[in-house]
Amino acid sequence: DPAEYHFMIEAFQKRRDLVFDLLKNIKGFKILLPKSAFYFFPDISYYLGKTLHGVKINDSDDFAMFLLEKANVATVGGVSFGSPECLRISYASSEKILTEAMKRIKECLENAESINF
């Protein structure tokens, strides 16, 4: 039924826009608004070569592991996609979970910056 698809499209656009607005407020993330994907692929080069909470960040895989361990947020590094400076962040989840995840990432990075930079 086309009405069901329209509802799903609207729901994902709303989630995309929510995450976009939240990611814009995270220092060091360069983002573009995706047109037809369920994930963001921000450039996180700002953090490469830095040490955050005692963890050396060499590429986006290190950064993804850092976020998993320190912020309890699962992302995917861009190394296997040929972009070691980018991070894959899915927005195929509820608005509540997405809001909490972006909050955790932001707070984790703000705390790391005040300690280690």
N, C-alpha and C. Protein backbone atom coordinates (compact mmCIF):
# COMPACT_ATOMS: atom_id res chain seq x y z
N ASP A 1 0.84 -1.19 0.00
CA ASP A 1 0.00 0.00 0.00
C ASP A 1 0.89 1.25 0.00
N PRO A 2 0.71 2.14 -0.96
CA PRO A 2 1.55 3.34 -1.06
C PRO A 2 1.49 4.23 0.19
N ALA A 3 0.38 4.25 0.90
CA ALA A 3 0.27 5.07 2.12
C ALA A 3 1.26 4.61 3.18
N GLU A 4 1.49 3.29 3.27
CA GLU A 4 2.45 2.77 4.24
C GLU A 4 3.85 3.21 3.89
N TYR A 5 4.20 3.21 2.62
CA TYR A 5 5.53 3.65 2.21
C TYR A 5 5.73 5.13 2.52
N HIS A 6 4.70 5.92 2.29
CA HIS A 6 4.78 7.35 2.55
C HIS A 6 5.05 7.59 4.03
N PHE A 7 4.38 6.85 4.90
CA PHE A 7 4.58 6.96 6.35
C PHE A 7 6.02 6.61 6.71
N MET A 8 6.55 5.55 6.13
CA MET A 8 7.92 5.13 6.42
C MET A 8 8.93 6.16 5.93
N ILE A 9 8.70 6.69 4.75
CA ILE A 9 9.60 7.71 4.19
C ILE A 9 9.62 8.94 5.10
N GLU A 10 8.46 9.38 5.54
CA GLU A 10 8.38 10.54 6.43
C GLU A 10 9.10 10.26 7.76
N ALA A 11 8.91 9.07 8.31
CA ALA A 11 9.56 8.72 9.58
C ALA A 11 11.08 8.75 9.46
N PHE A 12 11.61 8.19 8.37
CA PHE A 12 13.06 8.19 8.20
C PHE A 12 13.61 9.58 7.89
N GLN A 13 12.85 10.40 7.16
CA GLN A 13 13.30 11.77 6.92
C GLN A 13 13.35 12.56 8.23
N LYS A 14 12.37 12.32 9.09
CA LYS A 14 12.35 13.00 10.39
C LYS A 14 13.56 12.57 11.23
N ARG A 15 13.88 11.29 11.24
CA ARG A 15 15.05 10.80 11.98
C ARG A 15 16.34 11.36 11.39
N ARG A 16 16.42 11.37 10.07
CA ARG A 16 17.60 11.92 9.40
C ARG A 16 17.81 13.38 9.80
N ASP A 17 16.74 14.16 9.76
CA ASP A 17 16.83 15.57 10.08
C ASP A 17 17.21 15.78 11.56
N LEU A 18 16.67 14.96 12.43
CA LEU A 18 17.00 15.01 13.85
C LEU A 18 18.50 14.77 14.06
N VAL A 19 19.01 13.69 13.50
CA VAL A 19 20.42 13.35 13.67
C VAL A 19 21.31 14.41 13.02
N PHE A 20 20.92 14.91 11.88
CA PHE A 20 21.69 15.98 11.23
C PHE A 20 21.83 17.17 12.15
N ASP A 21 20.72 17.61 12.75
CA ASP A 21 20.75 18.76 13.66
C ASP A 21 21.64 18.49 14.88
N LEU A 22 21.61 17.27 15.38
CA LEU A 22 22.43 16.92 16.54
C LEU A 22 23.91 16.79 16.18
N LEU A 23 24.21 16.21 15.03
CA LEU A 23 25.60 16.05 14.60
C LEU A 23 26.25 17.40 14.30
N LYS A 24 25.48 18.36 13.82
CA LYS A 24 26.02 19.69 13.52
C LYS A 24 26.62 20.33 14.76
N ASN A 25 26.17 19.91 15.93
CA ASN A 25 26.62 20.51 17.18
C ASN A 25 27.77 19.75 17.83
N ILE A 26 28.33 18.77 17.13
CA ILE A 26 29.46 18.02 17.67
C ILE A 26 30.73 18.54 17.01
N LYS A 27 31.61 19.10 17.82
CA LYS A 27 32.85 19.68 17.32
C LYS A 27 33.68 18.63 16.58
N GLY A 28 34.19 19.03 15.42
CA GLY A 28 35.09 18.17 14.66
C GLY A 28 34.41 17.27 13.66
N PHE A 29 33.09 17.28 13.59
CA PHE A 29 32.37 16.46 12.61
C PHE A 29 32.00 17.33 11.41
N LYS A 30 32.41 16.90 10.22
CA LYS A 30 32.01 17.56 8.98
C LYS A 30 30.97 16.65 8.33
N ILE A 31 29.75 17.14 8.20
CA ILE A 31 28.67 16.27 7.73
C ILE A 31 27.94 16.85 6.52
N LEU A 32 27.40 15.93 5.74
CA LEU A 32 26.50 16.26 4.64
C LEU A 32 25.17 15.57 4.91
N LEU A 33 24.10 16.17 4.45
CA LEU A 33 22.77 15.58 4.60
C LEU A 33 22.59 14.48 3.57
N PRO A 34 22.40 13.22 4.02
CA PRO A 34 22.21 12.14 3.04
C PRO A 34 20.87 12.28 2.33
N LYS A 35 20.85 11.93 1.06
CA LYS A 35 19.63 12.03 0.27
C LYS A 35 18.85 10.71 0.24
N SER A 36 19.56 9.58 0.22
CA SER A 36 18.84 8.32 0.04
C SER A 36 19.45 7.16 0.82
N ALA A 37 20.13 7.43 1.90
CA ALA A 37 20.73 6.37 2.71
C ALA A 37 20.13 6.40 4.10
N PHE A 38 20.44 5.39 4.89
CA PHE A 38 19.98 5.33 6.27
C PHE A 38 21.12 5.60 7.25
N TYR A 39 22.12 6.30 6.78
CA TYR A 39 23.27 6.57 7.63
C TYR A 39 23.95 7.88 7.22
N PHE A 40 24.68 8.43 8.17
CA PHE A 40 25.55 9.57 7.91
C PHE A 40 26.96 9.04 7.77
N PHE A 41 27.81 9.78 7.10
CA PHE A 41 29.20 9.38 6.90
C PHE A 41 30.10 10.60 7.12
N PRO A 42 30.07 11.15 8.37
CA PRO A 42 30.83 12.38 8.62
C PRO A 42 32.33 12.16 8.56
N ASP A 43 33.01 13.22 8.15
CA ASP A 43 34.48 13.25 8.19
C ASP A 43 34.87 13.62 9.62
N ILE A 44 35.69 12.78 10.24
CA ILE A 44 36.12 13.00 11.62
C ILE A 44 37.64 13.22 11.67
N SER A 45 38.21 13.74 10.59
CA SER A 45 39.65 13.97 10.50
C SER A 45 40.18 14.80 11.67
N TYR A 46 39.36 15.67 12.20
CA TYR A 46 39.73 16.51 13.33
C TYR A 46 40.31 15.68 14.48
N TYR A 47 39.80 14.48 14.68
CA TYR A 47 40.21 13.64 15.81
C TYR A 47 41.36 12.69 15.49
N LEU A 48 41.71 12.55 14.22
CA LEU A 48 42.76 11.61 13.86
C LEU A 48 44.12 12.10 14.34
N GLY A 49 44.89 11.18 14.92
CA GLY A 49 46.19 11.51 15.45
C GLY A 49 46.16 12.01 16.88
N LYS A 50 44.96 12.16 17.44
CA LYS A 50 44.83 12.65 18.81
C LYS A 50 44.66 11.48 19.77
N THR A 51 44.88 11.77 21.04
CA THR A 51 44.65 10.79 22.09
C THR A 51 43.45 11.25 22.90
N LEU A 52 42.43 10.42 22.98
CA LEU A 52 41.19 10.74 23.69
C LEU A 52 41.02 9.75 24.85
N HIS A 53 40.95 10.26 26.04
CA HIS A 53 40.81 9.39 27.22
C HIS A 53 41.84 8.26 27.20
N GLY A 54 43.07 8.57 26.79
CA GLY A 54 44.14 7.58 26.76
C GLY A 54 44.14 6.67 25.55
N VAL A 55 43.25 6.91 24.59
CA VAL A 55 43.15 6.07 23.39
C VAL A 55 43.66 6.85 22.19
N LYS A 56 44.69 6.33 21.52
CA LYS A 56 45.23 6.97 20.32
C LYS A 56 44.30 6.70 19.14
N ILE A 57 43.89 7.74 18.45
CA ILE A 57 42.96 7.63 17.32
C ILE A 57 43.76 7.76 16.02
N ASN A 58 44.04 6.64 15.37
CA ASN A 58 44.79 6.63 14.11
C ASN A 58 43.89 6.72 12.89
N ASP A 59 42.70 6.16 12.98
CA ASP A 59 41.76 6.16 11.86
C ASP A 59 40.34 6.04 12.42
N SER A 60 39.37 6.01 11.52
CA SER A 60 37.97 5.98 11.96
C SER A 60 37.59 4.66 12.64
N ASP A 61 38.31 3.58 12.35
CA ASP A 61 38.05 2.33 13.08
C ASP A 61 38.41 2.49 14.55
N ASP A 62 39.55 3.14 14.83
CA ASP A 62 39.92 3.43 16.22
C ASP A 62 38.86 4.33 16.86
N PHE A 63 38.39 5.30 16.10
CA PHE A 63 37.40 6.24 16.62
C PHE A 63 36.09 5.51 16.95
N ALA A 64 35.66 4.60 16.06
CA ALA A 64 34.45 3.83 16.29
C ALA A 64 34.59 2.97 17.56
N MET A 65 35.74 2.35 17.74
CA MET A 65 35.97 1.54 18.93
C MET A 65 35.99 2.42 20.18
N PHE A 66 36.58 3.59 20.07
CA PHE A 66 36.59 4.55 21.17
C PHE A 66 35.16 4.90 21.58
N LEU A 67 34.31 5.21 20.60
CA LEU A 67 32.92 5.56 20.90
C LEU A 67 32.16 4.39 21.52
N LEU A 68 32.45 3.19 21.07
CA LEU A 68 31.80 2.01 21.64
C LEU A 68 32.21 1.83 23.11
N GLU A 69 33.49 1.95 23.37
CA GLU A 69 34.00 1.71 24.72
C GLU A 69 33.73 2.85 25.69
N LYS A 70 33.83 4.09 25.23
CA LYS A 70 33.73 5.25 26.13
C LYS A 70 32.35 5.91 26.15
N ALA A 71 31.59 5.82 25.05
CA ALA A 71 30.28 6.45 24.99
C ALA A 71 29.15 5.43 24.92
N ASN A 72 29.54 4.15 24.76
CA ASN A 72 28.55 3.07 24.64
C ASN A 72 27.62 3.29 23.45
N VAL A 73 28.23 3.74 22.32
CA VAL A 73 27.50 3.97 21.08
C VAL A 73 28.20 3.20 19.96
N ALA A 74 27.44 2.39 19.24
CA ALA A 74 27.99 1.60 18.14
C ALA A 74 27.92 2.38 16.83
N THR A 75 29.08 2.51 16.19
CA THR A 75 29.20 3.11 14.86
C THR A 75 30.12 2.19 14.07
N VAL A 76 30.38 2.52 12.82
CA VAL A 76 31.28 1.71 12.00
C VAL A 76 32.32 2.64 11.39
N GLY A 77 33.58 2.27 11.53
CA GLY A 77 34.65 3.05 10.92
C GLY A 77 34.58 2.95 9.41
N GLY A 78 35.11 3.96 8.75
CA GLY A 78 35.06 4.01 7.29
C GLY A 78 36.22 3.34 6.58
N VAL A 79 37.14 2.73 7.33
CA VAL A 79 38.32 2.11 6.71
C VAL A 79 37.91 1.07 5.67
N SER A 80 36.99 0.19 6.02
CA SER A 80 36.59 -0.87 5.08
C SER A 80 35.77 -0.33 3.90
N PHE A 81 35.35 0.93 3.98
CA PHE A 81 34.65 1.58 2.87
C PHE A 81 35.61 2.43 2.04
N GLY A 82 36.90 2.38 2.38
CA GLY A 82 37.90 3.15 1.67
C GLY A 82 38.02 4.59 2.14
N SER A 83 37.42 4.90 3.30
CA SER A 83 37.46 6.26 3.83
C SER A 83 37.86 6.23 5.31
N PRO A 84 39.16 6.11 5.58
CA PRO A 84 39.62 6.01 6.97
C PRO A 84 39.38 7.27 7.79
N GLU A 85 38.97 8.35 7.14
CA GLU A 85 38.69 9.59 7.85
C GLU A 85 37.20 9.79 8.13
N CYS A 86 36.37 8.81 7.76
CA CYS A 86 34.93 8.93 7.93
C CYS A 86 34.37 7.86 8.85
N LEU A 87 33.23 8.16 9.42
CA LEU A 87 32.55 7.28 10.37
C LEU A 87 31.11 7.07 9.90
N ARG A 88 30.66 5.84 9.93
CA ARG A 88 29.29 5.53 9.51
C ARG A 88 28.39 5.50 10.73
N ILE A 89 27.34 6.34 10.71
CA ILE A 89 26.38 6.42 11.81
C ILE A 89 24.99 6.18 11.25
N SER A 90 24.39 5.07 11.62
CA SER A 90 23.05 4.73 11.13
C SER A 90 21.99 5.53 11.88
N TYR A 91 20.93 5.91 11.18
CA TYR A 91 19.80 6.54 11.85
C TYR A 91 18.54 5.68 11.72
N ALA A 92 18.74 4.37 11.56
CA ALA A 92 17.62 3.42 11.48
C ALA A 92 17.30 2.92 12.88
N SER A 93 16.86 3.83 13.73
CA SER A 93 16.49 3.51 15.10
C SER A 93 15.45 4.52 15.55
N SER A 94 14.99 4.41 16.77
CA SER A 94 13.97 5.34 17.27
C SER A 94 14.58 6.71 17.53
N GLU A 95 13.74 7.73 17.52
CA GLU A 95 14.21 9.08 17.79
C GLU A 95 14.80 9.18 19.20
N LYS A 96 14.22 8.48 20.14
CA LYS A 96 14.72 8.50 21.52
C LYS A 96 16.14 7.93 21.59
N ILE A 97 16.36 6.79 20.96
CA ILE A 97 17.68 6.16 20.97
C ILE A 97 18.69 7.03 20.22
N LEU A 98 18.30 7.59 19.09
CA LEU A 98 19.20 8.44 18.32
C LEU A 98 19.60 9.69 19.10
N THR A 99 18.64 10.30 19.76
CA THR A 99 18.93 11.49 20.56
C THR A 99 19.91 11.16 21.68
N GLU A 100 19.68 10.06 22.35
CA GLU A 100 20.58 9.63 23.44
C GLU A 100 21.98 9.32 22.91
N ALA A 101 22.06 8.65 21.78
CA ALA A 101 23.36 8.29 21.21
C ALA A 101 24.15 9.54 20.83
N MET A 102 23.52 10.51 20.19
CA MET A 102 24.23 11.73 19.79
C MET A 102 24.65 12.53 21.03
N LYS A 103 23.83 12.51 22.07
CA LYS A 103 24.18 13.17 23.34
C LYS A 103 25.41 12.51 23.95
N ARG A 104 25.46 11.19 23.95
CA ARG A 104 26.61 10.48 24.52
C ARG A 104 27.88 10.77 23.75
N ILE A 105 27.78 10.77 22.41
CA ILE A 105 28.96 11.07 21.59
C ILE A 105 29.47 12.47 21.90
N LYS A 106 28.57 13.43 21.89
CA LYS A 106 28.96 14.82 22.12
C LYS A 106 29.61 14.99 23.49
N GLU A 107 28.99 14.45 24.53
CA GLU A 107 29.52 14.60 25.89
C GLU A 107 30.87 13.89 26.03
N CYS A 108 30.99 12.72 25.46
CA CYS A 108 32.24 11.96 25.53
C CYS A 108 33.38 12.75 24.88
N LEU A 109 33.12 13.32 23.72
CA LEU A 109 34.17 14.06 23.01
C LEU A 109 34.49 15.37 23.71
N GLU A 110 33.48 16.05 24.26
CA GLU A 110 33.73 17.29 25.00
C GLU A 110 34.60 17.00 26.23
N ASN A 111 34.29 15.93 26.93
CA ASN A 111 35.08 15.57 28.11
C ASN A 111 36.50 15.17 27.72
N ALA A 112 36.65 14.44 26.62
CA ALA A 112 37.98 14.02 26.16
C ALA A 112 38.80 15.23 25.76
N GLU A 113 38.17 16.18 25.11
CA GLU A 113 38.90 17.36 24.66
C GLU A 113 39.40 18.18 25.84
N SER A 114 38.60 18.31 26.87
CA SER A 114 39.03 19.11 28.01
C SER A 114 40.15 18.45 28.79
N ILE A 115 40.29 17.13 28.66
CA ILE A 115 41.30 16.39 29.37
C ILE A 115 42.58 16.24 28.56
N ASN A 116 42.47 15.91 27.27
CA ASN A 116 43.62 15.43 26.52
C ASN A 116 44.18 16.36 25.45
N PHE A 117 43.52 17.44 25.09
CA PHE A 117 44.04 18.24 23.98
C PHE A 117 44.86 19.40 24.49
